[in-house]
């Protein structure tokens, strides 16, 4: 699922009462996932109103896209400069959050629609209506384009060291 598609499916009315989430820290990348699968896995620490949660966003097959552009004759820097802005709306992503709302409402929908970056959840919620995602994921997805310079720089360092 694309970032824009996921953001459009999130029910923002549910989150009107507790909107005081903010980003505490960028936890980093998973280099093993980048090397093994070509996926860019980013982890953010988000402070909600009641607790701190880890939000994971995975951009699928980013290394393969960079390599394809390089194979067509682009330089590494040009390929990354072209791809990173397109990543935010044109690439498939997976998401996960450690909050109870994601665990009990969204994990099933994310697993069913293949955008869950965490463990597969095959059991539908019994009491509540499943939702596309939690407010912490929505918050991080909204902020992601602000990280484009850092992503470009770090992706270039990783690709040039291969």
N, C-alpha and C. Protein backbone atom coordinates (compact mmCIF):
# COMPACT_ATOMS: atom_id res chain seq x y z
N UNK A 1 0.84 -1.17 0.00
CA UNK A 1 0.00 0.00 0.00
C UNK A 1 0.90 1.24 0.00
N UNK A 2 0.49 2.24 -0.73
CA UNK A 2 1.25 3.49 -0.82
C UNK A 2 0.96 4.37 0.39
N UNK A 3 1.89 5.28 0.71
CA UNK A 3 1.76 6.17 1.86
C UNK A 3 0.48 7.01 1.76
N UNK A 4 0.23 7.59 0.60
CA UNK A 4 -0.95 8.44 0.42
C UNK A 4 -2.24 7.64 0.58
N UNK A 5 -2.25 6.40 0.08
CA UNK A 5 -3.44 5.56 0.23
C UNK A 5 -3.72 5.27 1.69
N UNK A 6 -2.67 4.95 2.44
CA UNK A 6 -2.84 4.64 3.85
C UNK A 6 -3.32 5.87 4.62
N UNK A 7 -2.74 7.02 4.34
CA UNK A 7 -3.17 8.24 5.03
C UNK A 7 -4.63 8.57 4.73
N UNK A 8 -5.08 8.29 3.52
CA UNK A 8 -6.47 8.58 3.17
C UNK A 8 -7.46 7.64 3.86
N UNK A 9 -7.01 6.46 4.26
CA UNK A 9 -7.91 5.49 4.91
C UNK A 9 -8.01 5.67 6.42
N UNK A 10 -7.14 6.48 7.01
CA UNK A 10 -7.13 6.65 8.46
C UNK A 10 -8.27 7.56 8.87
N UNK A 11 -9.05 7.10 9.82
CA UNK A 11 -10.21 7.84 10.32
C UNK A 11 -9.73 8.91 11.29
N UNK A 12 -9.59 10.13 10.81
CA UNK A 12 -9.04 11.21 11.63
C UNK A 12 -10.02 11.69 12.71
N UNK A 13 -11.31 11.42 12.55
CA UNK A 13 -12.29 11.82 13.57
C UNK A 13 -12.04 11.10 14.89
N UNK A 14 -11.56 9.86 14.81
CA UNK A 14 -11.30 9.08 16.02
C UNK A 14 -10.21 9.70 16.87
N UNK A 15 -9.32 10.45 16.24
CA UNK A 15 -8.15 10.94 16.95
C UNK A 15 -8.30 12.39 17.40
N UNK A 16 -9.49 12.94 17.33
CA UNK A 16 -9.71 14.34 17.68
C UNK A 16 -9.44 14.66 19.14
N UNK A 17 -9.68 13.71 20.04
CA UNK A 17 -9.51 13.98 21.47
C UNK A 17 -8.05 13.97 21.90
N UNK A 18 -7.27 13.09 21.33
CA UNK A 18 -5.87 12.94 21.75
C UNK A 18 -4.95 13.20 20.56
N UNK A 19 -4.64 14.45 20.37
CA UNK A 19 -3.82 14.81 19.20
C UNK A 19 -2.43 15.25 19.61
N UNK A 20 -2.03 15.01 20.82
CA UNK A 20 -0.77 15.54 21.30
C UNK A 20 0.40 14.56 21.12
N UNK A 21 0.51 13.93 19.99
CA UNK A 21 1.67 13.08 19.71
C UNK A 21 2.80 13.95 19.18
N UNK A 22 4.02 13.58 19.54
CA UNK A 22 5.15 14.24 18.91
C UNK A 22 6.34 13.30 18.84
N UNK A 23 7.19 13.59 17.89
CA UNK A 23 8.33 12.74 17.62
C UNK A 23 9.42 12.99 18.64
N UNK A 24 9.78 11.94 19.36
CA UNK A 24 10.87 12.06 20.33
C UNK A 24 12.21 11.86 19.67
N UNK A 25 12.29 10.84 18.80
CA UNK A 25 13.61 10.48 18.29
C UNK A 25 13.48 9.56 17.08
N UNK A 26 14.41 9.76 16.14
CA UNK A 26 14.56 8.80 15.05
C UNK A 26 15.49 7.73 15.57
N UNK A 27 14.99 6.50 15.69
CA UNK A 27 15.76 5.41 16.28
C UNK A 27 16.81 4.85 15.31
N UNK A 28 16.55 4.93 14.01
CA UNK A 28 17.54 4.46 13.04
C UNK A 28 16.95 3.55 11.98
N UNK A 29 17.86 2.97 11.21
CA UNK A 29 17.52 2.07 10.12
C UNK A 29 17.87 0.64 10.52
N UNK A 30 17.27 -0.30 9.83
CA UNK A 30 17.68 -1.69 9.96
C UNK A 30 18.56 -2.01 8.76
N UNK A 31 19.87 -1.99 8.96
CA UNK A 31 20.78 -2.24 7.85
C UNK A 31 20.71 -3.69 7.38
N UNK A 32 20.38 -4.62 8.28
CA UNK A 32 20.27 -6.01 7.86
C UNK A 32 19.13 -6.19 6.87
N UNK A 33 18.01 -5.50 7.07
CA UNK A 33 16.88 -5.59 6.14
C UNK A 33 17.24 -4.94 4.82
N UNK A 34 18.02 -3.87 4.88
CA UNK A 34 18.45 -3.18 3.67
C UNK A 34 19.37 -4.08 2.84
N UNK A 35 20.30 -4.76 3.51
CA UNK A 35 21.24 -5.64 2.81
C UNK A 35 20.56 -6.91 2.31
N UNK A 36 19.74 -7.52 3.14
CA UNK A 36 19.14 -8.81 2.81
C UNK A 36 17.99 -8.69 1.81
N UNK A 37 17.07 -7.76 2.05
CA UNK A 37 15.84 -7.68 1.24
C UNK A 37 15.75 -6.44 0.36
N UNK A 38 16.65 -5.46 0.57
CA UNK A 38 16.58 -4.23 -0.19
C UNK A 38 15.51 -3.27 0.30
N UNK A 39 14.99 -3.52 1.52
CA UNK A 39 13.93 -2.68 2.09
C UNK A 39 14.54 -1.68 3.06
N UNK A 40 14.07 -0.45 3.01
CA UNK A 40 14.52 0.59 3.93
C UNK A 40 13.56 0.62 5.12
N UNK A 41 14.01 0.11 6.25
CA UNK A 41 13.20 0.03 7.48
C UNK A 41 13.64 1.15 8.42
N UNK A 42 12.70 2.05 8.73
CA UNK A 42 12.98 3.18 9.61
C UNK A 42 12.14 3.03 10.88
N UNK A 43 12.75 3.32 12.03
CA UNK A 43 12.05 3.20 13.31
C UNK A 43 12.09 4.55 14.02
N UNK A 44 10.91 5.00 14.47
CA UNK A 44 10.76 6.28 15.16
C UNK A 44 10.18 6.05 16.55
N UNK A 45 10.65 6.82 17.50
CA UNK A 45 10.08 6.81 18.85
C UNK A 45 9.11 7.99 18.93
N UNK A 46 7.83 7.70 19.16
CA UNK A 46 6.79 8.71 19.20
C UNK A 46 6.20 8.76 20.60
N UNK A 47 6.06 9.95 21.13
CA UNK A 47 5.41 10.11 22.44
C UNK A 47 3.94 10.40 22.20
N UNK A 48 3.09 9.50 22.68
CA UNK A 48 1.66 9.74 22.64
C UNK A 48 1.25 10.43 23.92
N UNK A 49 -0.04 10.61 24.12
CA UNK A 49 -0.50 11.29 25.31
C UNK A 49 -0.36 10.40 26.55
N UNK A 50 -0.37 9.08 26.33
CA UNK A 50 -0.30 8.17 27.47
C UNK A 50 1.01 7.42 27.61
N UNK A 51 1.77 7.29 26.53
CA UNK A 51 2.98 6.48 26.58
C UNK A 51 3.86 6.78 25.37
N UNK A 52 5.04 6.16 25.32
CA UNK A 52 5.93 6.24 24.16
C UNK A 52 5.81 4.97 23.34
N UNK A 53 5.79 5.11 22.02
CA UNK A 53 5.61 3.95 21.14
C UNK A 53 6.64 3.97 20.02
N UNK A 54 6.98 2.79 19.53
CA UNK A 54 7.87 2.66 18.37
C UNK A 54 7.02 2.50 17.12
N UNK A 55 7.27 3.35 16.15
CA UNK A 55 6.58 3.26 14.86
C UNK A 55 7.61 2.86 13.83
N UNK A 56 7.31 1.80 13.09
CA UNK A 56 8.19 1.30 12.04
C UNK A 56 7.56 1.56 10.68
N UNK A 57 8.35 2.09 9.76
CA UNK A 57 7.92 2.29 8.38
C UNK A 57 8.94 1.61 7.49
N UNK A 58 8.48 0.77 6.58
CA UNK A 58 9.37 0.04 5.68
C UNK A 58 9.03 0.41 4.24
N UNK A 59 10.02 0.94 3.52
CA UNK A 59 9.88 1.19 2.08
C UNK A 59 10.40 -0.06 1.37
N UNK A 60 9.53 -0.70 0.61
CA UNK A 60 9.86 -1.99 0.01
C UNK A 60 10.69 -1.84 -1.27
N UNK A 61 11.72 -2.67 -1.37
CA UNK A 61 12.54 -2.83 -2.59
C UNK A 61 13.21 -1.56 -3.08
N UNK A 62 13.62 -0.69 -2.17
CA UNK A 62 14.25 0.57 -2.56
C UNK A 62 15.61 0.35 -3.20
N UNK A 63 16.38 -0.61 -2.69
CA UNK A 63 17.71 -0.86 -3.25
C UNK A 63 17.61 -1.35 -4.70
N UNK A 64 16.65 -2.18 -4.99
CA UNK A 64 16.44 -2.66 -6.36
C UNK A 64 16.09 -1.53 -7.31
N UNK A 65 15.32 -0.58 -6.84
CA UNK A 65 14.96 0.58 -7.67
C UNK A 65 16.18 1.44 -7.97
N UNK A 66 17.02 1.65 -6.96
CA UNK A 66 18.24 2.44 -7.16
C UNK A 66 19.16 1.72 -8.15
N UNK A 67 19.34 0.43 -7.95
CA UNK A 67 20.20 -0.35 -8.84
C UNK A 67 19.68 -0.36 -10.28
N UNK A 68 18.36 -0.39 -10.46
CA UNK A 68 17.79 -0.37 -11.81
C UNK A 68 18.10 0.95 -12.51
N UNK A 69 18.02 2.05 -11.78
CA UNK A 69 18.34 3.36 -12.38
C UNK A 69 19.83 3.47 -12.69
N UNK A 70 20.67 2.93 -11.83
CA UNK A 70 22.11 2.95 -12.09
C UNK A 70 22.43 2.11 -13.33
N UNK A 71 21.74 0.99 -13.45
CA UNK A 71 21.94 0.11 -14.61
C UNK A 71 21.53 0.81 -15.91
N UNK A 72 20.59 1.74 -15.83
CA UNK A 72 20.16 2.50 -17.01
C UNK A 72 21.12 3.65 -17.34
N UNK A 73 22.16 3.83 -16.49
CA UNK A 73 23.17 4.84 -16.80
C UNK A 73 23.19 6.05 -15.88
N UNK A 74 22.32 6.09 -14.91
CA UNK A 74 22.32 7.22 -13.97
C UNK A 74 23.43 7.06 -12.95
N UNK A 75 23.89 8.18 -12.43
CA UNK A 75 24.86 8.10 -11.33
C UNK A 75 24.11 7.75 -10.05
N UNK A 76 24.84 7.29 -9.05
CA UNK A 76 24.23 6.91 -7.78
C UNK A 76 23.50 8.10 -7.15
N UNK A 77 24.15 9.24 -7.13
CA UNK A 77 23.56 10.44 -6.52
C UNK A 77 22.29 10.87 -7.27
N UNK A 78 22.33 10.84 -8.59
CA UNK A 78 21.16 11.22 -9.38
C UNK A 78 20.00 10.25 -9.17
N UNK A 79 20.32 8.96 -9.10
CA UNK A 79 19.28 7.95 -8.89
C UNK A 79 18.60 8.14 -7.54
N UNK A 80 19.40 8.38 -6.51
CA UNK A 80 18.83 8.57 -5.17
C UNK A 80 18.05 9.88 -5.11
N UNK A 81 18.57 10.94 -5.71
CA UNK A 81 17.85 12.22 -5.72
C UNK A 81 16.51 12.12 -6.45
N UNK A 82 16.44 11.26 -7.45
CA UNK A 82 15.19 11.06 -8.17
C UNK A 82 14.21 10.19 -7.37
N UNK A 83 14.73 9.15 -6.74
CA UNK A 83 13.85 8.18 -6.07
C UNK A 83 13.31 8.62 -4.72
N UNK A 84 14.12 9.27 -3.91
CA UNK A 84 13.68 9.58 -2.54
C UNK A 84 12.40 10.42 -2.51
N UNK A 85 12.27 11.49 -3.28
CA UNK A 85 10.98 12.20 -3.25
C UNK A 85 9.81 11.34 -3.74
N UNK A 86 10.05 10.46 -4.71
CA UNK A 86 9.00 9.58 -5.22
C UNK A 86 8.64 8.48 -4.23
N UNK A 87 9.58 8.15 -3.34
CA UNK A 87 9.34 7.11 -2.33
C UNK A 87 8.11 7.38 -1.50
N UNK A 88 7.90 8.63 -1.16
CA UNK A 88 6.87 8.98 -0.20
C UNK A 88 5.46 8.74 -0.70
N UNK A 89 5.25 8.76 -1.99
CA UNK A 89 3.90 8.49 -2.51
C UNK A 89 3.85 7.39 -3.54
N UNK A 90 4.99 7.01 -4.12
CA UNK A 90 4.95 6.05 -5.20
C UNK A 90 5.40 4.64 -4.85
N UNK A 91 5.95 4.45 -3.66
CA UNK A 91 6.48 3.14 -3.29
C UNK A 91 5.55 2.46 -2.30
N UNK A 92 5.51 1.14 -2.37
CA UNK A 92 4.74 0.39 -1.38
C UNK A 92 5.46 0.47 -0.04
N UNK A 93 4.68 0.61 1.02
CA UNK A 93 5.24 0.66 2.36
C UNK A 93 4.55 -0.35 3.26
N UNK A 94 5.20 -0.65 4.36
CA UNK A 94 4.60 -1.42 5.45
C UNK A 94 4.80 -0.60 6.71
N UNK A 95 3.85 -0.71 7.65
CA UNK A 95 3.92 0.06 8.89
C UNK A 95 3.62 -0.83 10.08
N UNK A 96 4.06 -0.38 11.24
CA UNK A 96 3.74 -1.07 12.49
C UNK A 96 3.92 -0.08 13.64
N UNK A 97 3.11 -0.23 14.68
CA UNK A 97 3.24 0.58 15.88
C UNK A 97 3.06 -0.34 17.09
N UNK A 98 3.74 0.01 18.17
CA UNK A 98 3.66 -0.82 19.37
C UNK A 98 2.50 -0.42 20.29
N UNK A 99 1.69 0.54 19.89
CA UNK A 99 0.57 0.97 20.74
C UNK A 99 -0.56 -0.06 20.75
N UNK A 100 -1.37 -0.06 21.80
CA UNK A 100 -2.49 -1.01 21.87
C UNK A 100 -3.51 -0.81 20.75
N UNK A 101 -3.71 0.42 20.31
CA UNK A 101 -4.68 0.67 19.24
C UNK A 101 -4.27 -0.06 17.97
N UNK A 102 -3.00 0.02 17.61
CA UNK A 102 -2.55 -0.69 16.42
C UNK A 102 -2.65 -2.20 16.65
N UNK A 103 -2.22 -2.66 17.82
CA UNK A 103 -2.24 -4.09 18.13
C UNK A 103 -3.65 -4.66 18.02
N UNK A 104 -4.63 -3.98 18.61
CA UNK A 104 -5.97 -4.55 18.70
C UNK A 104 -6.93 -4.10 17.61
N UNK A 105 -6.65 -3.02 16.91
CA UNK A 105 -7.56 -2.55 15.87
C UNK A 105 -6.98 -2.63 14.46
N UNK A 106 -5.69 -2.33 14.33
CA UNK A 106 -5.13 -2.13 12.99
C UNK A 106 -4.26 -3.28 12.49
N UNK A 107 -3.70 -4.06 13.40
CA UNK A 107 -2.78 -5.11 13.00
C UNK A 107 -3.43 -6.12 12.06
N UNK A 108 -4.68 -6.45 12.32
CA UNK A 108 -5.41 -7.40 11.46
C UNK A 108 -5.56 -6.84 10.05
N UNK A 109 -6.02 -5.57 9.94
CA UNK A 109 -6.21 -4.95 8.62
C UNK A 109 -4.87 -4.83 7.88
N UNK A 110 -3.83 -4.46 8.62
CA UNK A 110 -2.51 -4.32 8.01
C UNK A 110 -2.00 -5.67 7.51
N UNK A 111 -2.23 -6.72 8.28
CA UNK A 111 -1.79 -8.06 7.85
C UNK A 111 -2.61 -8.54 6.66
N UNK A 112 -3.91 -8.34 6.72
CA UNK A 112 -4.81 -8.78 5.65
C UNK A 112 -4.47 -8.10 4.32
N UNK A 113 -4.12 -6.82 4.40
CA UNK A 113 -3.81 -6.05 3.19
C UNK A 113 -2.31 -5.96 2.90
N UNK A 114 -1.53 -6.74 3.63
CA UNK A 114 -0.09 -6.91 3.39
C UNK A 114 0.72 -5.62 3.55
N UNK A 115 0.35 -4.78 4.53
CA UNK A 115 1.19 -3.63 4.83
C UNK A 115 1.60 -3.60 6.31
N UNK A 116 1.57 -4.74 6.97
CA UNK A 116 2.01 -4.84 8.35
C UNK A 116 3.50 -5.15 8.40
N UNK A 117 4.27 -4.27 9.01
CA UNK A 117 5.72 -4.48 9.14
C UNK A 117 6.05 -5.32 10.36
N UNK A 118 5.06 -5.63 11.17
CA UNK A 118 5.27 -6.46 12.35
C UNK A 118 4.83 -7.89 12.08
N UNK A 119 4.50 -8.60 13.15
CA UNK A 119 4.07 -9.98 13.02
C UNK A 119 2.69 -10.06 12.38
N UNK A 120 2.47 -11.12 11.61
CA UNK A 120 1.19 -11.33 10.95
C UNK A 120 0.11 -11.56 11.99
N UNK A 121 -1.04 -10.92 11.81
CA UNK A 121 -2.18 -11.09 12.71
C UNK A 121 -3.37 -11.55 11.88
N UNK A 122 -3.77 -12.81 12.05
CA UNK A 122 -4.86 -13.37 11.27
C UNK A 122 -6.21 -13.35 11.96
N UNK A 123 -6.24 -12.92 13.22
CA UNK A 123 -7.50 -12.88 13.97
C UNK A 123 -8.11 -11.49 13.89
N UNK A 124 -9.35 -11.41 13.44
CA UNK A 124 -10.04 -10.12 13.38
C UNK A 124 -10.44 -9.69 14.79
N UNK A 125 -10.48 -8.38 15.05
CA UNK A 125 -10.93 -7.92 16.36
C UNK A 125 -12.38 -8.35 16.60
N UNK A 126 -12.67 -8.77 17.82
CA UNK A 126 -14.03 -9.25 18.13
C UNK A 126 -14.99 -8.12 18.44
N UNK A 127 -14.54 -7.13 19.18
CA UNK A 127 -15.45 -6.11 19.69
C UNK A 127 -15.44 -4.85 18.84
N UNK A 128 -14.28 -4.42 18.42
CA UNK A 128 -14.16 -3.14 17.73
C UNK A 128 -14.05 -3.33 16.22
N UNK A 129 -14.34 -2.27 15.51
CA UNK A 129 -14.22 -2.27 14.05
C UNK A 129 -12.74 -2.04 13.71
N UNK A 130 -12.15 -2.87 12.86
CA UNK A 130 -10.74 -2.66 12.50
C UNK A 130 -10.54 -1.31 11.80
N UNK A 131 -9.37 -0.73 12.00
CA UNK A 131 -9.05 0.52 11.34
C UNK A 131 -7.77 0.34 10.54
N UNK A 132 -7.53 1.26 9.61
CA UNK A 132 -6.35 1.15 8.74
C UNK A 132 -5.05 1.29 9.53
N UNK A 133 -5.03 2.20 10.50
CA UNK A 133 -3.82 2.40 11.29
C UNK A 133 -4.12 3.28 12.49
N UNK A 134 -3.12 3.45 13.33
CA UNK A 134 -3.27 4.28 14.52
C UNK A 134 -2.80 5.70 14.24
N UNK A 135 -3.04 6.60 15.19
CA UNK A 135 -2.65 8.00 15.01
C UNK A 135 -1.15 8.20 15.02
N UNK A 136 -0.41 7.30 15.68
CA UNK A 136 1.04 7.44 15.72
C UNK A 136 1.64 7.17 14.35
N UNK A 137 1.12 6.16 13.65
CA UNK A 137 1.57 5.87 12.28
C UNK A 137 1.18 7.03 11.37
N UNK A 138 -0.03 7.54 11.51
CA UNK A 138 -0.47 8.67 10.69
C UNK A 138 0.44 9.88 10.91
N UNK A 139 0.81 10.11 12.15
CA UNK A 139 1.70 11.22 12.50
C UNK A 139 3.06 11.06 11.82
N UNK A 140 3.65 9.88 11.91
CA UNK A 140 4.96 9.63 11.30
C UNK A 140 4.88 9.72 9.78
N UNK A 141 3.83 9.16 9.17
CA UNK A 141 3.69 9.22 7.72
C UNK A 141 3.56 10.66 7.23
N UNK A 142 2.93 11.50 8.03
CA UNK A 142 2.80 12.90 7.67
C UNK A 142 4.16 13.60 7.72
N UNK A 143 5.01 13.21 8.68
CA UNK A 143 6.32 13.85 8.83
C UNK A 143 7.41 13.30 7.91
N UNK A 144 7.20 12.14 7.32
CA UNK A 144 8.25 11.47 6.55
C UNK A 144 8.94 12.33 5.49
N UNK A 145 8.23 13.12 4.70
CA UNK A 145 8.93 13.92 3.69
C UNK A 145 9.98 14.86 4.27
N UNK A 146 9.85 15.25 5.52
CA UNK A 146 10.85 16.12 6.15
C UNK A 146 12.19 15.41 6.35
N UNK A 147 12.18 14.09 6.26
CA UNK A 147 13.39 13.30 6.47
C UNK A 147 14.11 13.01 5.15
N UNK A 148 13.68 13.61 4.05
CA UNK A 148 14.23 13.25 2.75
C UNK A 148 15.73 13.51 2.63
N UNK A 149 16.23 14.62 3.16
CA UNK A 149 17.67 14.89 3.06
C UNK A 149 18.49 13.84 3.80
N UNK A 150 18.04 13.47 4.98
CA UNK A 150 18.78 12.46 5.75
C UNK A 150 18.71 11.10 5.05
N UNK A 151 17.56 10.76 4.53
CA UNK A 151 17.41 9.48 3.82
C UNK A 151 18.32 9.46 2.59
N UNK A 152 18.34 10.56 1.83
CA UNK A 152 19.21 10.63 0.65
C UNK A 152 20.67 10.40 1.04
N UNK A 153 21.11 11.12 2.06
CA UNK A 153 22.51 11.03 2.50
C UNK A 153 22.85 9.62 2.99
N UNK A 154 22.01 9.06 3.83
CA UNK A 154 22.29 7.73 4.39
C UNK A 154 22.19 6.63 3.34
N UNK A 155 21.25 6.76 2.43
CA UNK A 155 21.11 5.76 1.37
C UNK A 155 22.30 5.81 0.42
N UNK A 156 22.78 7.01 0.15
CA UNK A 156 23.97 7.15 -0.71
C UNK A 156 25.20 6.53 -0.04
N UNK A 157 25.37 6.75 1.25
CA UNK A 157 26.49 6.15 1.98
C UNK A 157 26.39 4.62 1.93
N UNK A 158 25.20 4.08 2.16
CA UNK A 158 25.01 2.63 2.15
C UNK A 158 25.30 2.05 0.77
N UNK A 159 24.74 2.65 -0.27
CA UNK A 159 24.89 2.12 -1.63
C UNK A 159 26.33 2.24 -2.12
N UNK A 160 27.03 3.29 -1.74
CA UNK A 160 28.41 3.44 -2.22
C UNK A 160 29.37 2.49 -1.49
N UNK A 161 28.97 2.01 -0.32
CA UNK A 161 29.84 1.08 0.42
C UNK A 161 29.62 -0.36 0.01
N UNK A 162 28.68 -0.63 -0.87
CA UNK A 162 28.39 -2.01 -1.31
C UNK A 162 29.38 -2.48 -2.33
